[in-house]
Amino acid sequence: MAGFKSAVNTKIDDYIDDNNLDIPKYNRNNPFFQRDYHDRIIRNEAEFQRIKYYIINNPKNWNGDRLNQ
């Protein structure tokens, strides 16, 4: 996953250079990917179903979430 993220950042930075865009490049101080995000490999059907349920139902809880202030 780290290699994928690195390749994506490189492609984006190359695009910025190739097109002379006046926008900052991505690095540790200006990350492209969400910080503190943990990648996870889904290992079986039960885990897939649990994660799918969470993704579908989690937005319903947003109004009560302590981080939504």
Protein backbone atom coordinates (compact mmCIF):
# COMPACT_ATOMS: atom_id res chain seq x y z
CA MET A 1 0.00 0.00 0.00
CA ALA A 2 2.85 2.38 0.79
CA GLY A 3 4.26 1.80 -2.69
CA PHE A 4 0.89 2.58 -4.26
CA LYS A 5 0.56 5.80 -2.29
CA SER A 6 4.09 6.81 -3.21
CA ALA A 7 3.43 6.13 -6.90
CA VAL A 8 0.22 8.17 -6.80
CA ASN A 9 2.01 11.12 -5.19
CA THR A 10 4.79 10.91 -7.79
CA LYS A 11 2.28 10.89 -10.67
CA ILE A 12 0.44 13.88 -9.23
CA ASP A 13 3.67 15.81 -8.72
CA ASP A 14 4.78 14.97 -12.27
CA TYR A 15 1.43 16.22 -13.58
CA ILE A 16 1.86 19.47 -11.63
CA ASP A 17 5.34 19.91 -13.14
CA ASP A 18 4.37 18.90 -16.69
CA ASN A 19 1.47 21.35 -16.73
CA ASN A 20 3.25 24.18 -14.89
CA LEU A 21 0.46 24.35 -12.34
CA ASP A 22 0.76 26.93 -9.61
CA ILE A 23 -0.30 24.60 -6.81
CA PRO A 24 1.78 23.04 -4.02
CA LYS A 25 3.20 19.57 -4.43
CA TYR A 26 2.31 16.82 -1.99
CA ASN A 27 4.74 15.81 0.73
CA ARG A 28 4.83 15.22 4.50
CA ASN A 29 3.78 18.81 5.17
CA ASN A 30 1.10 18.78 2.46
CA PRO A 31 -0.26 15.20 2.35
CA PHE A 32 -2.51 13.93 -0.41
CA PHE A 33 -3.81 10.93 1.51
CA GLN A 34 -5.79 11.25 4.73
CA ARG A 35 -3.57 11.38 7.80
CA ASP A 36 -3.72 8.61 10.41
CA TYR A 37 -5.64 6.41 8.02
CA HIS A 38 -4.88 2.73 8.45
CA ASP A 39 -5.10 0.46 5.43
CA ARG A 40 -6.64 -2.92 6.00
CA ILE A 41 -6.80 -6.07 3.92
CA ILE A 42 -10.21 -7.75 4.10
CA ARG A 43 -9.44 -11.39 4.76
CA ASN A 44 -12.78 -13.17 4.53
CA GLU A 45 -16.49 -12.82 3.72
CA ALA A 46 -17.57 -12.23 7.33
CA GLU A 47 -15.11 -9.37 7.70
CA PHE A 48 -16.24 -7.94 4.35
CA GLN A 49 -19.88 -8.00 5.47
CA ARG A 50 -19.04 -6.32 8.81
CA ILE A 51 -17.08 -3.55 7.11
CA LYS A 52 -19.76 -3.09 4.45
CA TYR A 53 -22.43 -2.74 7.14
CA TYR A 54 -20.29 -0.16 8.95
CA ILE A 55 -19.75 1.91 5.77
CA ILE A 56 -23.45 1.87 4.90
CA ASN A 57 -24.73 2.63 8.40
CA ASN A 58 -22.04 4.91 9.85
CA PRO A 59 -23.33 8.16 8.24
CA LYS A 60 -26.57 7.72 10.21
CA ASN A 61 -24.55 8.25 13.41
CA TRP A 62 -22.79 11.43 12.27
CA ASN A 63 -25.09 13.85 14.15
CA GLY A 64 -24.23 12.16 17.44
CA ASP A 65 -20.51 11.83 16.75
CA ARG A 66 -18.28 13.78 19.15
CA LEU A 67 -16.00 14.76 16.25
CA ASN A 68 -18.89 16.40 14.39
CA GLN A 69 -19.02 19.74 16.20
